[in-house]
PDB file of N, CA and C in Angstrom:
ATOM      1  N   MET A   1     -46.758  15.004  -5.021  1.00  0.00           N
ATOM      2  CA  MET A   1     -45.598  14.315  -4.499  1.00  0.00           C
ATOM      3  C   MET A   1     -45.440  12.990  -5.226  1.00  0.00           C
ATOM      4  N   SER A   2     -44.238  12.784  -5.742  1.00  0.00           N
ATOM      5  CA  SER A   2     -44.001  11.537  -6.456  1.00  0.00           C
ATOM      6  C   SER A   2     -43.569  10.415  -5.531  1.00  0.00           C
ATOM      7  N   PHE A   3     -43.566   9.217  -6.047  1.00  0.00           N
ATOM      8  CA  PHE A   3     -43.213   8.040  -5.238  1.00  0.00           C
ATOM      9  C   PHE A   3     -41.782   8.106  -4.761  1.00  0.00           C
ATOM     10  N   PRO A   4     -40.794   8.485  -5.606  1.00  0.00           N
ATOM     11  CA  PRO A   4     -39.434   8.621  -5.084  1.00  0.00           C
ATOM     12  C   PRO A   4     -39.300   9.627  -3.959  1.00  0.00           C
ATOM     13  N   GLU A   5     -40.038  10.730  -4.026  1.00  0.00           N
ATOM     14  CA  GLU A   5     -40.009  11.726  -2.977  1.00  0.00           C
ATOM     15  C   GLU A   5     -40.601  11.155  -1.677  1.00  0.00           C
ATOM     16  N   LEU A   6     -41.673  10.373  -1.807  1.00  0.00           N
ATOM     17  CA  LEU A   6     -42.250   9.743  -0.666  1.00  0.00           C
ATOM     18  C   LEU A   6     -41.264   8.746   0.010  1.00  0.00           C
ATOM     19  N   LEU A   7     -40.556   7.995  -0.824  1.00  0.00           N
ATOM     20  CA  LEU A   7     -39.552   7.092  -0.261  1.00  0.00           C
ATOM     21  C   LEU A   7     -38.462   7.828   0.453  1.00  0.00           C
ATOM     22  N   GLN A   8     -38.053   8.969  -0.068  1.00  0.00           N
ATOM     23  CA  GLN A   8     -37.012   9.763   0.595  1.00  0.00           C
ATOM     24  C   GLN A   8     -37.495  10.330   1.921  1.00  0.00           C
ATOM     25  N   ILE A   9     -38.746  10.722   1.990  1.00  0.00           N
ATOM     26  CA  ILE A   9     -39.321  11.229   3.271  1.00  0.00           C
ATOM     27  C   ILE A   9     -39.378  10.095   4.294  1.00  0.00           C
ATOM     28  N   ILE A  10     -39.801   8.914   3.836  1.00  0.00           N
ATOM     29  CA  ILE A  10     -39.842   7.763   4.759  1.00  0.00           C
ATOM     30  C   ILE A  10     -38.445   7.435   5.222  1.00  0.00           C
ATOM     31  N   ALA A  11     -37.465   7.483   4.315  1.00  0.00           N
ATOM     32  CA  ALA A  11     -36.060   7.224   4.715  1.00  0.00           C
ATOM     33  C   ALA A  11     -35.618   8.253   5.752  1.00  0.00           C
ATOM     34  N   LEU A  12     -35.985   9.509   5.579  1.00  0.00           N
ATOM     35  CA  LEU A  12     -35.619  10.536   6.562  1.00  0.00           C
ATOM     36  C   LEU A  12     -36.221  10.213   7.920  1.00  0.00           C
ATOM     37  N   ILE A  13     -37.478   9.794   7.920  1.00  0.00           N
ATOM     38  CA  ILE A  13     -38.150   9.446   9.181  1.00  0.00           C
ATOM     39  C   ILE A  13     -37.440   8.268   9.854  1.00  0.00           C
ATOM     40  N   VAL A  14     -37.046   7.289   9.054  1.00  0.00           N
ATOM     41  CA  VAL A  14     -36.340   6.121   9.586  1.00  0.00           C
ATOM     42  C   VAL A  14     -34.987   6.531  10.192  1.00  0.00           C
ATOM     43  N   PHE A  15     -34.287   7.469   9.508  1.00  0.00           N
ATOM     44  CA  PHE A  15     -33.022   7.945  10.039  1.00  0.00           C
ATOM     45  C   PHE A  15     -33.206   8.684  11.352  1.00  0.00           C
ATOM     46  N   VAL A  16     -34.260   9.504  11.461  1.00  0.00           N
ATOM     47  CA  VAL A  16     -34.546  10.234  12.695  1.00  0.00           C
ATOM     48  C   VAL A  16     -34.883   9.274  13.800  1.00  0.00           C
ATOM     49  N   VAL A  17     -35.681   8.265  13.526  1.00  0.00           N
ATOM     50  CA  VAL A  17     -36.025   7.259  14.521  1.00  0.00           C
ATOM     51  C   VAL A  17     -34.774   6.525  14.996  1.00  0.00           C
ATOM     52  N   ALA A  18     -33.879   6.205  14.073  1.00  0.00           N
ATOM     53  CA  ALA A  18     -32.634   5.524  14.455  1.00  0.00           C
ATOM     54  C   ALA A  18     -31.744   6.472  15.278  1.00  0.00           C
ATOM     55  N   ALA A  19     -31.735   7.748  14.926  1.00  0.00           N
ATOM     56  CA  ALA A  19     -30.913   8.708  15.666  1.00  0.00           C
ATOM     57  C   ALA A  19     -31.385   8.910  17.082  1.00  0.00           C
ATOM     58  N   VAL A  20     -32.694   8.816  17.287  1.00  0.00           N
ATOM     59  CA  VAL A  20     -33.260   8.997  18.630  1.00  0.00           C
ATOM     60  C   VAL A  20     -32.955   7.768  19.476  1.00  0.00           C
ATOM     61  N   GLY A  21     -32.671   6.629  18.846  1.00  0.00           N
ATOM     62  CA  GLY A  21     -32.311   5.469  19.598  1.00  0.00           C
ATOM     63  C   GLY A  21     -33.376   4.382  19.611  1.00  0.00           C
ATOM     64  N   TRP A  22     -34.470   4.625  18.933  1.00  0.00           N
ATOM     65  CA  TRP A  22     -35.494   3.601  18.887  1.00  0.00           C
ATOM     66  C   TRP A  22     -35.028   2.464  17.949  1.00  0.00           C
ATOM     67  N   SER A  23     -35.592   1.303  18.179  1.00  0.00           N
ATOM     68  CA  SER A  23     -35.251   0.163  17.335  1.00  0.00           C
ATOM     69  C   SER A  23     -36.505  -0.725  17.197  1.00  0.00           C
ATOM     70  N   TYR A  24     -36.442  -1.590  16.240  1.00  0.00           N
ATOM     71  CA  TYR A  24     -37.535  -2.544  16.033  1.00  0.00           C
ATOM     72  C   TYR A  24     -36.911  -3.914  15.880  1.00  0.00           C
ATOM     73  N   LYS A  25     -37.085  -4.721  16.910  1.00  0.00           N
ATOM     74  CA  LYS A  25     -36.523  -6.058  17.002  1.00  0.00           C
ATOM     75  C   LYS A  25     -35.020  -6.030  16.607  1.00  0.00           C
ATOM     76  N   LYS A  26     -34.627  -6.813  15.609  1.00  0.00           N
ATOM     77  CA  LYS A  26     -33.213  -6.837  15.207  1.00  0.00           C
ATOM     78  C   LYS A  26     -32.953  -6.078  13.924  1.00  0.00           C
ATOM     79  N   THR A  27     -33.905  -5.253  13.514  1.00  0.00           N
ATOM     80  CA  THR A  27     -33.761  -4.493  12.288  1.00  0.00           C
ATOM     81  C   THR A  27     -32.742  -3.358  12.483  1.00  0.00           C
ATOM     82  N   ASP A  28     -31.829  -3.242  11.566  1.00  0.00           N
ATOM     83  CA  ASP A  28     -30.883  -2.129  11.563  1.00  0.00           C
ATOM     84  C   ASP A  28     -31.544  -0.982  10.782  1.00  0.00           C
ATOM     85  N   LEU A  29     -32.001   0.023  11.511  1.00  0.00           N
ATOM     86  CA  LEU A  29     -32.750   1.106  10.899  1.00  0.00           C
ATOM     87  C   LEU A  29     -31.895   1.961   9.975  1.00  0.00           C
ATOM     88  N   ILE A  30     -30.595   2.083  10.254  1.00  0.00           N
ATOM     89  CA  ILE A  30     -29.750   2.835   9.367  1.00  0.00           C
ATOM     90  C   ILE A  30     -29.717   2.174   7.982  1.00  0.00           C
ATOM     91  N   ALA A  31     -29.523   0.869   7.957  1.00  0.00           N
ATOM     92  CA  ALA A  31     -29.495   0.118   6.698  1.00  0.00           C
ATOM     93  C   ALA A  31     -30.859   0.193   6.013  1.00  0.00           C
ATOM     94  N   ALA A  32     -31.937   0.175   6.771  1.00  0.00           N
ATOM     95  CA  ALA A  32     -33.267   0.256   6.190  1.00  0.00           C
ATOM     96  C   ALA A  32     -33.473   1.590   5.543  1.00  0.00           C
ATOM     97  N   GLY A  33     -33.034   2.669   6.208  1.00  0.00           N
ATOM     98  CA  GLY A  33     -33.150   4.006   5.641  1.00  0.00           C
ATOM     99  C   GLY A  33     -32.345   4.175   4.370  1.00  0.00           C
ATOM    100  N   LEU A  34     -31.116   3.600   4.387  1.00  0.00           N
ATOM    101  CA  LEU A  34     -30.276   3.647   3.199  1.00  0.00           C
ATOM    102  C   LEU A  34     -30.898   2.847   2.035  1.00  0.00           C
ATOM    103  N   ALA A  35     -31.508   1.720   2.353  1.00  0.00           N
ATOM    104  CA  ALA A  35     -32.171   0.931   1.325  1.00  0.00           C
ATOM    105  C   ALA A  35     -33.323   1.693   0.697  1.00  0.00           C
ATOM    106  N   LEU A  36     -34.103   2.413   1.535  1.00  0.00           N
ATOM    107  CA  LEU A  36     -35.187   3.200   1.013  1.00  0.00           C
ATOM    108  C   LEU A  36     -34.671   4.340   0.106  1.00  0.00           C
ATOM    109  N   TRP A  37     -33.551   4.929   0.555  1.00  0.00           N
ATOM    110  CA  TRP A  37     -32.997   6.056  -0.210  1.00  0.00           C
ATOM    111  C   TRP A  37     -32.506   5.575  -1.572  1.00  0.00           C
ATOM    112  N   VAL A  38     -31.806   4.437  -1.598  1.00  0.00           N
ATOM    113  CA  VAL A  38     -31.337   3.901  -2.895  1.00  0.00           C
ATOM    114  C   VAL A  38     -32.525   3.504  -3.747  1.00  0.00           C
ATOM    115  N   LEU A  39     -33.543   2.909  -3.137  1.00  0.00           N
ATOM    116  CA  LEU A  39     -34.737   2.523  -3.868  1.00  0.00           C
ATOM    117  C   LEU A  39     -35.416   3.725  -4.507  1.00  0.00           C
ATOM    118  N   SER A  40     -35.370   4.867  -3.835  1.00  0.00           N
ATOM    119  CA  SER A  40     -35.986   6.061  -4.416  1.00  0.00           C
ATOM    120  C   SER A  40     -35.241   6.484  -5.676  1.00  0.00           C
ATOM    121  N   TYR A  41     -33.943   6.243  -5.757  1.00  0.00           N
ATOM    122  CA  TYR A  41     -33.216   6.520  -6.981  1.00  0.00           C
ATOM    123  C   TYR A  41     -33.529   5.501  -8.075  1.00  0.00           C
ATOM    124  N   LEU A  42     -33.738   4.241  -7.660  1.00  0.00           N
ATOM    125  CA  LEU A  42     -33.987   3.217  -8.656  1.00  0.00           C
ATOM    126  C   LEU A  42     -35.363   3.332  -9.315  1.00  0.00           C
ATOM    127  N   VAL A  43     -36.366   3.704  -8.534  1.00  0.00           N
ATOM    128  CA  VAL A  43     -37.747   3.764  -9.092  1.00  0.00           C
ATOM    129  C   VAL A  43     -38.013   5.091  -9.791  1.00  0.00           C
ATOM    130  N   ASP A  44     -37.011   5.928  -9.892  1.00  0.00           N
ATOM    131  CA  ASP A  44     -37.157   7.240 -10.508  1.00  0.00           C
ATOM    132  C   ASP A  44     -37.018   7.153 -12.032  1.00  0.00           C
ATOM    133  N   GLY A  45     -37.243   5.999 -12.600  1.00  0.00           N
ATOM    134  CA  GLY A  45     -37.109   5.850 -14.075  1.00  0.00           C
ATOM    135  C   GLY A  45     -35.772   5.385 -14.552  1.00  0.00           C
ATOM    136  N   ARG A  46     -34.868   5.117 -13.627  1.00  0.00           N
ATOM    137  CA  ARG A  46     -33.524   4.702 -14.047  1.00  0.00           C
ATOM    138  C   ARG A  46     -33.449   3.257 -14.450  1.00  0.00           C
ATOM    139  N   LEU A  47     -34.453   2.455 -14.091  1.00  0.00           N
ATOM    140  CA  LEU A  47     -34.379   1.031 -14.421  1.00  0.00           C
ATOM    141  C   LEU A  47     -34.791   0.759 -15.872  1.00  0.00           C
ATOM    142  N   SER A  48     -35.154   1.762 -16.606  1.00  0.00           N
ATOM    143  CA  SER A  48     -35.552   1.538 -17.999  1.00  0.00           C
ATOM    144  C   SER A  48     -34.357   1.149 -18.899  1.00  0.00           C
ATOM    145  N   HIS A  49     -33.159   1.528 -18.462  1.00  0.00           N
ATOM    146  CA  HIS A  49     -31.960   1.134 -19.186  1.00  0.00           C
ATOM    147  C   HIS A  49     -30.864   0.742 -18.168  1.00  0.00           C
ATOM    148  N   LEU A  50     -30.356  -0.454 -18.307  1.00  0.00           N
ATOM    149  CA  LEU A  50     -29.350  -0.930 -17.375  1.00  0.00           C
ATOM    150  C   LEU A  50     -27.983  -0.472 -17.810  1.00  0.00           C
ATOM    151  N   THR A  51     -27.305   0.205 -16.895  1.00  0.00           N
ATOM    152  CA  THR A  51     -25.932   0.593 -17.072  1.00  0.00           C
ATOM    153  C   THR A  51     -25.123   0.003 -15.905  1.00  0.00           C
ATOM    154  N   LEU A  52     -23.842   0.178 -15.934  1.00  0.00           N
ATOM    155  CA  LEU A  52     -23.016  -0.306 -14.837  1.00  0.00           C
ATOM    156  C   LEU A  52     -23.381   0.404 -13.534  1.00  0.00           C
ATOM    157  N   GLY A  53     -23.646   1.676 -13.634  1.00  0.00           N
ATOM    158  CA  GLY A  53     -24.036   2.428 -12.414  1.00  0.00           C
ATOM    159  C   GLY A  53     -25.336   1.927 -11.821  1.00  0.00           C
ATOM    160  N   ILE A  54     -26.320   1.578 -12.653  1.00  0.00           N
ATOM    161  CA  ILE A  54     -27.609   1.052 -12.138  1.00  0.00           C
ATOM    162  C   ILE A  54     -27.410  -0.321 -11.540  1.00  0.00           C
ATOM    163  N   ILE A  55     -26.605  -1.153 -12.177  1.00  0.00           N
ATOM    164  CA  ILE A  55     -26.334  -2.495 -11.614  1.00  0.00           C
ATOM    165  C   ILE A  55     -25.666  -2.380 -10.245  1.00  0.00           C
ATOM    166  N   LEU A  56     -24.750  -1.435 -10.105  1.00  0.00           N
ATOM    167  CA  LEU A  56     -24.095  -1.228  -8.801  1.00  0.00           C
ATOM    168  C   LEU A  56     -25.085  -0.719  -7.776  1.00  0.00           C
ATOM    169  N   LEU A  57     -26.013   0.137  -8.191  1.00  0.00           N
ATOM    170  CA  LEU A  57     -27.061   0.623  -7.272  1.00  0.00           C
ATOM    171  C   LEU A  57     -27.978  -0.496  -6.829  1.00  0.00           C
ATOM    172  N   ILE A  58     -28.294  -1.410  -7.746  1.00  0.00           N
ATOM    173  CA  ILE A  58     -29.129  -2.568  -7.364  1.00  0.00           C
ATOM    174  C   ILE A  58     -28.397  -3.437  -6.343  1.00  0.00           C
ATOM    175  N   LEU A  59     -27.090  -3.636  -6.568  1.00  0.00           N
ATOM    176  CA  LEU A  59     -26.301  -4.411  -5.629  1.00  0.00           C
ATOM    177  C   LEU A  59     -26.215  -3.716  -4.258  1.00  0.00           C
ATOM    178  N   ALA A  60     -26.098  -2.407  -4.280  1.00  0.00           N
ATOM    179  CA  ALA A  60     -26.076  -1.624  -3.034  1.00  0.00           C
ATOM    180  C   ALA A  60     -27.420  -1.767  -2.298  1.00  0.00           C
ATOM    181  N   PHE A  61     -28.521  -1.741  -3.042  1.00  0.00           N
ATOM    182  CA  PHE A  61     -29.821  -1.931  -2.430  1.00  0.00           C
ATOM    183  C   PHE A  61     -29.954  -3.292  -1.755  1.00  0.00           C
ATOM    184  N   ILE A  62     -29.450  -4.310  -2.440  1.00  0.00           N
ATOM    185  CA  ILE A  62     -29.483  -5.669  -1.890  1.00  0.00           C
ATOM    186  C   ILE A  62     -28.639  -5.746  -0.643  1.00  0.00           C
ATOM    187  N   ALA A  63     -27.456  -5.123  -0.659  1.00  0.00           N
ATOM    188  CA  ALA A  63     -26.601  -5.138   0.534  1.00  0.00           C
ATOM    189  C   ALA A  63     -27.272  -4.422   1.713  1.00  0.00           C
ATOM    190  N   PHE A  64     -27.935  -3.294   1.446  1.00  0.00           N
ATOM    191  CA  PHE A  64     -28.607  -2.569   2.502  1.00  0.00           C
ATOM    192  C   PHE A  64     -29.797  -3.373   3.077  1.00  0.00           C
ATOM    193  N   VAL A  65     -30.529  -4.031   2.187  1.00  0.00           N
ATOM    194  CA  VAL A  65     -31.663  -4.851   2.689  1.00  0.00           C
ATOM    195  C   VAL A  65     -31.165  -6.012   3.528  1.00  0.00           C
ATOM    196  N   LEU A  66     -30.099  -6.663   3.090  1.00  0.00           N
ATOM    197  CA  LEU A  66     -29.546  -7.745   3.873  1.00  0.00           C
ATOM    198  C   LEU A  66     -29.027  -7.254   5.199  1.00  0.00           C
ATOM    199  N   GLY A  67     -28.388  -6.068   5.197  1.00  0.00           N
ATOM    200  CA  GLY A  67     -27.917  -5.468   6.453  1.00  0.00           C
ATOM    201  C   GLY A  67     -29.076  -5.082   7.342  1.00  0.00           C
ATOM    202  N   ALA A  68     -30.179  -4.632   6.749  1.00  0.00           N
ATOM    203  CA  ALA A  68     -31.310  -4.199   7.556  1.00  0.00           C
ATOM    204  C   ALA A  68     -31.974  -5.380   8.271  1.00  0.00           C
ATOM    205  N   ILE A  69     -32.007  -6.527   7.610  1.00  0.00           N
ATOM    206  CA  ILE A  69     -32.653  -7.706   8.257  1.00  0.00           C
ATOM    207  C   ILE A  69     -31.721  -8.432   9.180  1.00  0.00           C
ATOM    208  N   GLY A  70     -30.458  -7.980   9.265  1.00  0.00           N
ATOM    209  CA  GLY A  70     -29.543  -8.579  10.217  1.00  0.00           C
ATOM    210  C   GLY A  70     -28.686  -9.695   9.677  1.00  0.00           C
ATOM    211  N   TRP A  71     -28.731  -9.936   8.390  1.00  0.00           N
ATOM    212  CA  TRP A  71     -27.937 -11.003   7.816  1.00  0.00           C
ATOM    213  C   TRP A  71     -26.477 -10.515   7.753  1.00  0.00           C
ATOM    214  N   GLY A  72     -25.587 -11.410   7.995  1.00  0.00           N
ATOM    215  CA  GLY A  72     -24.165 -11.003   7.915  1.00  0.00           C
ATOM    216  C   GLY A  72     -23.315 -12.157   7.427  1.00  0.00           C
ATOM    217  N   TYR A  73     -22.167 -11.849   6.953  1.00  0.00           N
ATOM    218  CA  TYR A  73     -21.221 -12.846   6.515  1.00  0.00           C
ATOM    219  C   TYR A  73     -19.894 -12.585   7.200  1.00  0.00           C
ATOM    220  N   LYS A  74     -19.546 -13.448   8.097  1.00  0.00           N
ATOM    221  CA  LYS A  74     -18.326 -13.293   8.905  1.00  0.00           C
ATOM    222  C   LYS A  74     -18.296 -11.892   9.513  1.00  0.00           C
ATOM    223  N   LYS A  75     -17.289 -11.092   9.227  1.00  0.00           N
ATOM    224  CA  LYS A  75     -17.211  -9.774   9.796  1.00  0.00           C
ATOM    225  C   LYS A  75     -17.364  -8.680   8.753  1.00  0.00           C
ATOM    226  N   VAL A  76     -18.053  -8.981   7.689  1.00  0.00           N
ATOM    227  CA  VAL A  76     -18.273  -8.030   6.627  1.00  0.00           C
ATOM    228  C   VAL A  76     -19.420  -7.091   7.021  1.00  0.00           C
ATOM    229  N   GLY A  77     -19.157  -5.798   7.013  1.00  0.00           N
ATOM    230  CA  GLY A  77     -20.202  -4.802   7.315  1.00  0.00           C
ATOM    231  C   GLY A  77     -20.991  -4.483   6.058  1.00  0.00           C
ATOM    232  N   LEU A  78     -22.251  -4.890   6.056  1.00  0.00           N
ATOM    233  CA  LEU A  78     -23.017  -4.722   4.830  1.00  0.00           C
ATOM    234  C   LEU A  78     -23.402  -3.266   4.552  1.00  0.00           C
ATOM    235  N   ILE A  79     -23.472  -2.461   5.591  1.00  0.00           N
ATOM    236  CA  ILE A  79     -23.692  -1.022   5.347  1.00  0.00           C
ATOM    237  C   ILE A  79     -22.484  -0.450   4.614  1.00  0.00           C
ATOM    238  N   ALA A  80     -21.281  -0.832   5.013  1.00  0.00           N
ATOM    239  CA  ALA A  80     -20.088  -0.332   4.326  1.00  0.00           C
ATOM    240  C   ALA A  80     -20.003  -0.877   2.912  1.00  0.00           C
ATOM    241  N   VAL A  81     -20.415  -2.114   2.699  1.00  0.00           N
ATOM    242  CA  VAL A  81     -20.408  -2.672   1.348  1.00  0.00           C
ATOM    243  C   VAL A  81     -21.417  -1.919   0.476  1.00  0.00           C
ATOM    244  N   GLY A  82     -22.588  -1.664   1.018  1.00  0.00           N
ATOM    245  CA  GLY A  82     -23.603  -0.919   0.273  1.00  0.00           C
ATOM    246  C   GLY A  82     -23.159   0.501  -0.061  1.00  0.00           C
ATOM    247  N   LEU A  83     -22.534   1.149   0.886  1.00  0.00           N
ATOM    248  CA  LEU A  83     -22.054   2.498   0.616  1.00  0.00           C
ATOM    249  C   LEU A  83     -20.923   2.506  -0.390  1.00  0.00           C
ATOM    250  N   ALA A  84     -20.062   1.491  -0.351  1.00  0.00           N
ATOM    251  CA  ALA A  84     -18.977   1.387  -1.361  1.00  0.00           C
ATOM    252  C   ALA A  84     -19.562   1.145  -2.721  1.00  0.00           C
ATOM    253  N   LEU A  85     -20.586   0.306  -2.834  1.00  0.00           N
ATOM    254  CA  LEU A  85     -21.223   0.090  -4.136  1.00  0.00           C
ATOM    255  C   LEU A  85     -21.921   1.347  -4.647  1.00  0.00           C
ATOM    256  N   TRP A  86     -22.558   2.061  -3.720  1.00  0.00           N
ATOM    257  CA  TRP A  86     -23.220   3.305  -4.104  1.00  0.00           C
ATOM    258  C   TRP A  86     -22.227   4.333  -4.614  1.00  0.00           C
ATOM    259  N   ALA A  87     -21.133   4.462  -3.901  1.00  0.00           N
ATOM    260  CA  ALA A  87     -20.066   5.398  -4.357  1.00  0.00           C
ATOM    261  C   ALA A  87     -19.521   4.941  -5.707  1.00  0.00           C
ATOM    262  N   ALA A  88     -19.326   3.635  -5.855  1.00  0.00           N
ATOM    263  CA  ALA A  88     -18.796   3.130  -7.115  1.00  0.00           C
ATOM    264  C   ALA A  88     -19.786   3.387  -8.254  1.00  0.00           C
ATOM    265  N   SER A  89     -21.085   3.354  -7.969  1.00  0.00           N
ATOM    266  CA  SER A  89     -22.061   3.624  -9.021  1.00  0.00           C
ATOM    267  C   SER A  89     -22.016   5.053  -9.510  1.00  0.00           C
ATOM    268  N   VAL A  90     -21.479   5.938  -8.685  1.00  0.00           N
ATOM    269  CA  VAL A  90     -21.321   7.351  -9.074  1.00  0.00           C
ATOM    270  C   VAL A  90     -19.950   7.560  -9.746  1.00  0.00           C
ATOM    271  N   VAL A  91     -18.898   6.974  -9.223  1.00  0.00           N
ATOM    272  CA  VAL A  91     -17.562   7.253  -9.678  1.00  0.00           C
ATOM    273  C   VAL A  91     -17.186   6.463 -10.943  1.00  0.00           C
ATOM    274  N   ILE A  92     -17.466   5.187 -10.965  1.00  0.00           N
ATOM    275  CA  ILE A  92     -17.013   4.327 -12.097  1.00  0.00           C
ATOM    276  C   ILE A  92     -17.552   4.789 -13.428  1.00  0.00           C
ATOM    277  N   PRO A  93     -18.833   5.171 -13.556  1.00  0.00           N
ATOM    278  CA  PRO A  93     -19.297   5.630 -14.875  1.00  0.00           C
ATOM    279  C   PRO A  93     -18.594   6.877 -15.412  1.00  0.00           C
ATOM    280  N   MET A  94     -17.957   7.644 -14.518  1.00  0.00           N
ATOM    281  CA  MET A  94     -17.188   8.783 -14.969  1.00  0.00           C
ATOM    282  C   MET A  94     -15.955   8.373 -15.754  1.00  0.00           C
ATOM    283  N   PHE A  95     -15.398   7.222 -15.400  1.00  0.00           N
ATOM    284  CA  PHE A  95     -14.200   6.715 -16.026  1.00  0.00           C
ATOM    285  C   PHE A  95     -14.496   5.811 -17.219  1.00  0.00           C
ATOM    286  N   ILE A  96     -15.628   5.112 -17.173  1.00  0.00           N
ATOM    287  CA  ILE A  96     -16.002   4.195 -18.253  1.00  0.00           C
ATOM    288  C   ILE A  96     -17.153   4.795 -18.984  1.00  0.00           C
ATOM    289  N   LYS A  97     -16.905   5.146 -20.230  1.00  0.00           N
ATOM    290  CA  LYS A  97     -17.991   5.732 -21.052  1.00  0.00           C
ATOM    291  C   LYS A  97     -18.220   4.980 -22.303  1.00  0.00           C
TER     292      LYS A  97
END
């Protein structure tokens, strides 16, 4: 079992714990699970060369971590920001080559 696979399993466990309704202090478990999931993509050897997609994934990871610890800016939903960055990391490289 590789490290990225282990991170994905931990993310799955965090999602299940969040779905059951458990919580830990002020931590947003959905954002924590998403951060682990994105991190599993980043540590899978993709950081050896920086592309626009990888930079957007790093920004998505940062947004998820900030959302997980409860940081916020006005009414900006950091989970939505992270998901938008993640989607952009997949879509934008298709148009920019």
